[in-house]
Amino acid sequence: MTVYLTGDTGPTSDMETIVRRFYHPNLAVANMDGVSNMGPEEAAFAMIKLVKPAAVIPSHAEEAVTPTDK
């Protein structure tokens, strides 16, 4: 099994040419929040059209953990 973690990125041509054609991932974890990385529509495009894994796990990596104001 090969897993691809998108990290903090948007759709790029490397997703098709390097990730899909060279590594052939079966599973992708798509980080998305629409601010510092892909939004839901961009992530769907990247996974369906560029990477084409058998399965995708959506992830929201930029959620606030602890409020800083008191």
PDB file of N, CA and C in Angstrom:
ATOM      1  N   MET A   1       0.844  -1.174   0.000  1.00  0.00           N
ATOM      2  CA  MET A   1       0.000   0.000   0.000  1.00  0.00           C
ATOM      3  C   MET A   1       0.889   1.237   0.000  1.00  0.00           C
ATOM      4  N   THR A   2       0.507   2.213  -0.811  1.00  0.00           N
ATOM      5  CA  THR A   2       1.188   3.502  -0.846  1.00  0.00           C
ATOM      6  C   THR A   2       0.193   4.573  -0.454  1.00  0.00           C
ATOM      7  N   VAL A   3       0.556   5.413   0.518  1.00  0.00           N
ATOM      8  CA  VAL A   3      -0.313   6.474   1.029  1.00  0.00           C
ATOM      9  C   VAL A   3       0.302   7.823   0.695  1.00  0.00           C
ATOM     10  N   TYR A   4      -0.526   8.754   0.232  1.00  0.00           N
ATOM     11  CA  TYR A   4      -0.087  10.112  -0.080  1.00  0.00           C
ATOM     12  C   TYR A   4      -0.766  11.079   0.876  1.00  0.00           C
ATOM     13  N   LEU A   5       0.013  11.873   1.618  1.00  0.00           N
ATOM     14  CA  LEU A   5      -0.492  12.927   2.492  1.00  0.00           C
ATOM     15  C   LEU A   5      -0.236  14.254   1.793  1.00  0.00           C
ATOM     16  N   THR A   6      -1.312  14.990   1.507  1.00  0.00           N
ATOM     17  CA  THR A   6      -1.154  16.214   0.725  1.00  0.00           C
ATOM     18  C   THR A   6      -0.368  17.292   1.448  1.00  0.00           C
ATOM     19  N   GLY A   7      -0.434  17.329   2.769  1.00  0.00           N
ATOM     20  CA  GLY A   7       0.230  18.406   3.497  1.00  0.00           C
ATOM     21  C   GLY A   7      -0.493  19.717   3.252  1.00  0.00           C
ATOM     22  N   ASP A   8       0.180  20.844   3.467  1.00  0.00           N
ATOM     23  CA  ASP A   8      -0.413  22.169   3.278  1.00  0.00           C
ATOM     24  C   ASP A   8      -0.141  22.631   1.848  1.00  0.00           C
ATOM     25  N   THR A   9      -1.017  22.235   0.937  1.00  0.00           N
ATOM     26  CA  THR A   9      -0.802  22.573  -0.471  1.00  0.00           C
ATOM     27  C   THR A   9      -2.129  22.727  -1.193  1.00  0.00           C
ATOM     28  N   GLY A  10      -2.060  23.252  -2.367  1.00  0.00           N
ATOM     29  CA  GLY A  10      -3.200  23.291  -3.263  1.00  0.00           C
ATOM     30  C   GLY A  10      -2.940  22.327  -4.405  1.00  0.00           C
ATOM     31  N   PRO A  11      -3.867  22.223  -5.351  1.00  0.00           N
ATOM     32  CA  PRO A  11      -3.657  21.340  -6.496  1.00  0.00           C
ATOM     33  C   PRO A  11      -2.441  21.798  -7.318  1.00  0.00           C
ATOM     34  N   THR A  12      -1.575  20.859  -7.657  1.00  0.00           N
ATOM     35  CA  THR A  12      -0.405  21.165  -8.481  1.00  0.00           C
ATOM     36  C   THR A  12      -0.259  20.092  -9.556  1.00  0.00           C
ATOM     37  N   SER A  13       0.451  20.421 -10.607  1.00  0.00           N
ATOM     38  CA  SER A  13       0.679  19.439 -11.669  1.00  0.00           C
ATOM     39  C   SER A  13       1.519  18.264 -11.177  1.00  0.00           C
ATOM     40  N   ASP A  14       2.320  18.477 -10.125  1.00  0.00           N
ATOM     41  CA  ASP A  14       3.115  17.388  -9.550  1.00  0.00           C
ATOM     42  C   ASP A  14       2.234  16.270  -8.993  1.00  0.00           C
ATOM     43  N   MET A  15       1.013  16.592  -8.607  1.00  0.00           N
ATOM     44  CA  MET A  15       0.106  15.562  -8.093  1.00  0.00           C
ATOM     45  C   MET A  15      -0.170  14.504  -9.160  1.00  0.00           C
ATOM     46  N   GLU A  16      -0.240  14.940 -10.398  1.00  0.00           N
ATOM     47  CA  GLU A  16      -0.470  13.989 -11.487  1.00  0.00           C
ATOM     48  C   GLU A  16       0.834  13.368 -11.971  1.00  0.00           C
ATOM     49  N   THR A  17       1.823  14.199 -12.277  1.00  0.00           N
ATOM     50  CA  THR A  17       3.032  13.684 -12.906  1.00  0.00           C
ATOM     51  C   THR A  17       3.931  12.891 -11.973  1.00  0.00           C
ATOM     52  N   ILE A  18       4.049  13.306 -10.732  1.00  0.00           N
ATOM     53  CA  ILE A  18       4.939  12.597  -9.808  1.00  0.00           C
ATOM     54  C   ILE A  18       4.159  11.667  -8.888  1.00  0.00           C
ATOM     55  N   VAL A  19       3.168  12.203  -8.188  1.00  0.00           N
ATOM     56  CA  VAL A  19       2.442  11.395  -7.199  1.00  0.00           C
ATOM     57  C   VAL A  19       1.709  10.232  -7.870  1.00  0.00           C
ATOM     58  N   ARG A  20       0.869  10.530  -8.850  1.00  0.00           N
ATOM     59  CA  ARG A  20       0.080   9.463  -9.482  1.00  0.00           C
ATOM     60  C   ARG A  20       0.927   8.562 -10.386  1.00  0.00           C
ATOM     61  N   ARG A  21       1.670   9.164 -11.308  1.00  0.00           N
ATOM     62  CA  ARG A  21       2.372   8.357 -12.320  1.00  0.00           C
ATOM     63  C   ARG A  21       3.592   7.615 -11.781  1.00  0.00           C
ATOM     64  N   PHE A  22       4.256   8.171 -10.768  1.00  0.00           N
ATOM     65  CA  PHE A  22       5.448   7.515 -10.251  1.00  0.00           C
ATOM     66  C   PHE A  22       5.152   6.652  -9.021  1.00  0.00           C
ATOM     67  N   TYR A  23       4.400   7.213  -8.049  1.00  0.00           N
ATOM     68  CA  TYR A  23       4.172   6.496  -6.791  1.00  0.00           C
ATOM     69  C   TYR A  23       2.906   5.636  -6.780  1.00  0.00           C
ATOM     70  N   HIS A  24       1.918   5.947  -7.592  1.00  0.00           N
ATOM     71  CA  HIS A  24       0.672   5.179  -7.678  1.00  0.00           C
ATOM     72  C   HIS A  24       0.015   4.956  -6.302  1.00  0.00           C
ATOM     73  N   PRO A  25      -0.372   6.015  -5.591  1.00  0.00           N
ATOM     74  CA  PRO A  25      -0.936   5.816  -4.252  1.00  0.00           C
ATOM     75  C   PRO A  25      -2.295   5.124  -4.288  1.00  0.00           C
ATOM     76  N   ASN A  26      -2.508   4.229  -3.329  1.00  0.00           N
ATOM     77  CA  ASN A  26      -3.799   3.568  -3.166  1.00  0.00           C
ATOM     78  C   ASN A  26      -4.719   4.404  -2.285  1.00  0.00           C
ATOM     79  N   LEU A  27      -4.118   5.147  -1.363  1.00  0.00           N
ATOM     80  CA  LEU A  27      -4.856   5.929  -0.370  1.00  0.00           C
ATOM     81  C   LEU A  27      -4.261   7.317  -0.309  1.00  0.00           C
ATOM     82  N   ALA A  28      -5.121   8.329  -0.168  1.00  0.00           N
ATOM     83  CA  ALA A  28      -4.655   9.702   0.009  1.00  0.00           C
ATOM     84  C   ALA A  28      -5.339  10.300   1.229  1.00  0.00           C
ATOM     85  N   VAL A  29      -4.583  11.101   1.979  1.00  0.00           N
ATOM     86  CA  VAL A  29      -5.128  11.885   3.078  1.00  0.00           C
ATOM     87  C   VAL A  29      -5.064  13.330   2.600  1.00  0.00           C
ATOM     88  N   ALA A  30      -6.227  13.927   2.374  1.00  0.00           N
ATOM     89  CA  ALA A  30      -6.299  15.274   1.801  1.00  0.00           C
ATOM     90  C   ALA A  30      -6.568  16.301   2.903  1.00  0.00           C
ATOM     91  N   ASN A  31      -5.527  17.067   3.268  1.00  0.00           N
ATOM     92  CA  ASN A  31      -5.700  18.150   4.230  1.00  0.00           C
ATOM     93  C   ASN A  31      -6.425  19.298   3.544  1.00  0.00           C
ATOM     94  N   MET A  32      -7.437  19.809   4.208  1.00  0.00           N
ATOM     95  CA  MET A  32      -8.170  20.932   3.623  1.00  0.00           C
ATOM     96  C   MET A  32      -8.778  21.802   4.698  1.00  0.00           C
ATOM     97  N   ASP A  33      -8.729  23.099   4.467  1.00  0.00           N
ATOM     98  CA  ASP A  33      -9.429  24.059   5.309  1.00  0.00           C
ATOM     99  C   ASP A  33      -9.854  25.284   4.514  1.00  0.00           C
ATOM    100  N   GLY A  34      -9.343  25.418   3.297  1.00  0.00           N
ATOM    101  CA  GLY A  34      -9.728  26.527   2.443  1.00  0.00           C
ATOM    102  C   GLY A  34      -9.018  27.826   2.758  1.00  0.00           C
ATOM    103  N   VAL A  35      -8.083  27.817   3.715  1.00  0.00           N
ATOM    104  CA  VAL A  35      -7.348  29.027   4.071  1.00  0.00           C
ATOM    105  C   VAL A  35      -5.876  28.852   3.706  1.00  0.00           C
ATOM    106  N   SER A  36      -5.185  27.965   4.418  1.00  0.00           N
ATOM    107  CA  SER A  36      -3.759  27.755   4.150  1.00  0.00           C
ATOM    108  C   SER A  36      -3.506  26.545   3.267  1.00  0.00           C
ATOM    109  N   ASN A  37      -4.548  25.830   2.910  1.00  0.00           N
ATOM    110  CA  ASN A  37      -4.439  24.728   1.957  1.00  0.00           C
ATOM    111  C   ASN A  37      -5.751  24.590   1.206  1.00  0.00           C
ATOM    112  N   MET A  38      -5.971  23.491   0.521  1.00  0.00           N
ATOM    113  CA  MET A  38      -7.128  23.323  -0.361  1.00  0.00           C
ATOM    114  C   MET A  38      -8.461  23.416   0.381  1.00  0.00           C
ATOM    115  N   GLY A  39      -9.447  23.945  -0.327  1.00  0.00           N
ATOM    116  CA  GLY A  39     -10.820  23.863   0.137  1.00  0.00           C
ATOM    117  C   GLY A  39     -11.427  22.559  -0.366  1.00  0.00           C
ATOM    118  N   PRO A  40     -12.671  22.264  -0.010  1.00  0.00           N
ATOM    119  CA  PRO A  40     -13.285  21.002  -0.407  1.00  0.00           C
ATOM    120  C   PRO A  40     -13.360  20.792  -1.923  1.00  0.00           C
ATOM    121  N   GLU A  41     -13.689  21.835  -2.678  1.00  0.00           N
ATOM    122  CA  GLU A  41     -13.807  21.691  -4.132  1.00  0.00           C
ATOM    123  C   GLU A  41     -12.445  21.432  -4.765  1.00  0.00           C
ATOM    124  N   GLU A  42     -11.419  22.158  -4.298  1.00  0.00           N
ATOM    125  CA  GLU A  42     -10.066  21.950  -4.824  1.00  0.00           C
ATOM    126  C   GLU A  42      -9.559  20.548  -4.485  1.00  0.00           C
ATOM    127  N   ALA A  43      -9.828  20.111  -3.262  1.00  0.00           N
ATOM    128  CA  ALA A  43      -9.381  18.775  -2.839  1.00  0.00           C
ATOM    129  C   ALA A  43     -10.066  17.692  -3.669  1.00  0.00           C
ATOM    130  N   ALA A  44     -11.364  17.862  -3.912  1.00  0.00           N
ATOM    131  CA  ALA A  44     -12.088  16.875  -4.726  1.00  0.00           C
ATOM    132  C   ALA A  44     -11.503  16.820  -6.132  1.00  0.00           C
ATOM    133  N   PHE A  45     -11.243  17.977  -6.725  1.00  0.00           N
ATOM    134  CA  PHE A  45     -10.631  18.010  -8.060  1.00  0.00           C
ATOM    135  C   PHE A  45      -9.270  17.323  -8.056  1.00  0.00           C
ATOM    136  N   ALA A  46      -8.430  17.668  -7.079  1.00  0.00           N
ATOM    137  CA  ALA A  46      -7.086  17.104  -7.015  1.00  0.00           C
ATOM    138  C   ALA A  46      -7.118  15.586  -6.880  1.00  0.00           C
ATOM    139  N   MET A  47      -8.015  15.082  -6.057  1.00  0.00           N
ATOM    140  CA  MET A  47      -8.068  13.633  -5.837  1.00  0.00           C
ATOM    141  C   MET A  47      -8.687  12.897  -7.025  1.00  0.00           C
ATOM    142  N   ILE A  48      -9.783  13.435  -7.568  1.00  0.00           N
ATOM    143  CA  ILE A  48     -10.496  12.751  -8.654  1.00  0.00           C
ATOM    144  C   ILE A  48      -9.748  12.847  -9.984  1.00  0.00           C
ATOM    145  N   LYS A  49      -9.231  14.018 -10.298  1.00  0.00           N
ATOM    146  CA  LYS A  49      -8.628  14.243 -11.617  1.00  0.00           C
ATOM    147  C   LYS A  49      -7.108  14.066 -11.658  1.00  0.00           C
ATOM    148  N   LEU A  50      -6.409  14.358 -10.548  1.00  0.00           N
ATOM    149  CA  LEU A  50      -4.949  14.345 -10.594  1.00  0.00           C
ATOM    150  C   LEU A  50      -4.332  13.102  -9.952  1.00  0.00           C
ATOM    151  N   VAL A  51      -4.681  12.835  -8.695  1.00  0.00           N
ATOM    152  CA  VAL A  51      -4.038  11.738  -7.957  1.00  0.00           C
ATOM    153  C   VAL A  51      -4.690  10.391  -8.243  1.00  0.00           C
ATOM    154  N   LYS A  52      -6.002  10.348  -8.254  1.00  0.00           N
ATOM    155  CA  LYS A  52      -6.787   9.144  -8.552  1.00  0.00           C
ATOM    156  C   LYS A  52      -6.484   7.932  -7.658  1.00  0.00           C
ATOM    157  N   PRO A  53      -6.488   8.118  -6.323  1.00  0.00           N
ATOM    158  CA  PRO A  53      -6.289   6.973  -5.439  1.00  0.00           C
ATOM    159  C   PRO A  53      -7.572   6.148  -5.347  1.00  0.00           C
ATOM    160  N   ALA A  54      -7.464   4.948  -4.804  1.00  0.00           N
ATOM    161  CA  ALA A  54      -8.651   4.103  -4.614  1.00  0.00           C
ATOM    162  C   ALA A  54      -9.542   4.648  -3.501  1.00  0.00           C
ATOM    163  N   ALA A  55      -8.944   5.305  -2.496  1.00  0.00           N
ATOM    164  CA  ALA A  55      -9.709   5.850  -1.368  1.00  0.00           C
ATOM    165  C   ALA A  55      -9.051   7.140  -0.883  1.00  0.00           C
ATOM    166  N   VAL A  56      -9.876   8.027  -0.306  1.00  0.00           N
ATOM    167  CA  VAL A  56      -9.397   9.306   0.217  1.00  0.00           C
ATOM    168  C   VAL A  56      -9.952   9.505   1.619  1.00  0.00           C
ATOM    169  N   ILE A  57      -9.101   9.948   2.528  1.00  0.00           N
ATOM    170  CA  ILE A  57      -9.527  10.347   3.868  1.00  0.00           C
ATOM    171  C   ILE A  57      -9.414  11.868   3.934  1.00  0.00           C
ATOM    172  N   PRO A  58     -10.547  12.583   4.099  1.00  0.00           N
ATOM    173  CA  PRO A  58     -10.458  14.042   4.246  1.00  0.00           C
ATOM    174  C   PRO A  58      -9.945  14.380   5.639  1.00  0.00           C
ATOM    175  N   SER A  59      -9.133  15.428   5.723  1.00  0.00           N
ATOM    176  CA  SER A  59      -8.554  15.832   6.998  1.00  0.00           C
ATOM    177  C   SER A  59      -8.618  17.342   7.128  1.00  0.00           C
ATOM    178  N   HIS A  60      -8.879  17.820   8.346  1.00  0.00           N
ATOM    179  CA  HIS A  60      -8.912  19.246   8.625  1.00  0.00           C
ATOM    180  C   HIS A  60      -7.811  19.536   9.624  1.00  0.00           C
ATOM    181  N   ALA A  61      -6.646  19.908   9.125  1.00  0.00           N
ATOM    182  CA  ALA A  61      -5.450  20.012   9.961  1.00  0.00           C
ATOM    183  C   ALA A  61      -5.297  21.332  10.693  1.00  0.00           C
ATOM    184  N   GLU A  62      -6.011  22.361  10.332  1.00  0.00           N
ATOM    185  CA  GLU A  62      -5.776  23.697  10.892  1.00  0.00           C
ATOM    186  C   GLU A  62      -6.816  24.126  11.932  1.00  0.00           C
ATOM    187  N   GLU A  63      -7.440  23.197  12.592  1.00  0.00           N
ATOM    188  CA  GLU A  63      -8.438  23.554  13.595  1.00  0.00           C
ATOM    189  C   GLU A  63      -7.761  24.106  14.845  1.00  0.00           C
ATOM    190  N   ALA A  64      -8.324  25.177  15.391  1.00  0.00           N
ATOM    191  CA  ALA A  64      -7.771  25.765  16.623  1.00  0.00           C
ATOM    192  C   ALA A  64      -7.865  24.762  17.763  1.00  0.00           C
ATOM    193  N   VAL A  65      -6.809  24.668  18.544  1.00  0.00           N
ATOM    194  CA  VAL A  65      -6.756  23.707  19.640  1.00  0.00           C
ATOM    195  C   VAL A  65      -7.202  24.332  20.945  1.00  0.00           C
ATOM    196  N   THR A  66      -6.628  25.476  21.302  1.00  0.00           N
ATOM    197  CA  THR A  66      -6.901  26.130  22.577  1.00  0.00           C
ATOM    198  C   THR A  66      -7.056  27.626  22.349  1.00  0.00           C
ATOM    199  N   PRO A  67      -8.111  28.224  22.876  1.00  0.00           N
ATOM    200  CA  PRO A  67      -8.233  29.683  22.767  1.00  0.00           C
ATOM    201  C   PRO A  67      -7.145  30.363  23.584  1.00  0.00           C
ATOM    202  N   THR A  68      -6.604  31.472  23.085  1.00  0.00           N
ATOM    203  CA  THR A  68      -5.523  32.165  23.781  1.00  0.00           C
ATOM    204  C   THR A  68      -5.998  33.353  24.592  1.00  0.00           C
ATOM    205  N   ASP A  69      -7.228  33.808  24.397  1.00  0.00           N
ATOM    206  CA  ASP A  69      -7.704  34.966  25.154  1.00  0.00           C
ATOM    207  C   ASP A  69      -8.347  34.512  26.467  1.00  0.00           C
ATOM    208  N   LYS A  70      -8.141  35.305  27.514  1.00  0.00           N
ATOM    209  CA  LYS A  70      -8.731  34.999  28.830  1.00  0.00           C
ATOM    210  C   LYS A  70      -9.374  36.206  29.414  1.00  0.00           C
TER     211      LYS A  70
END
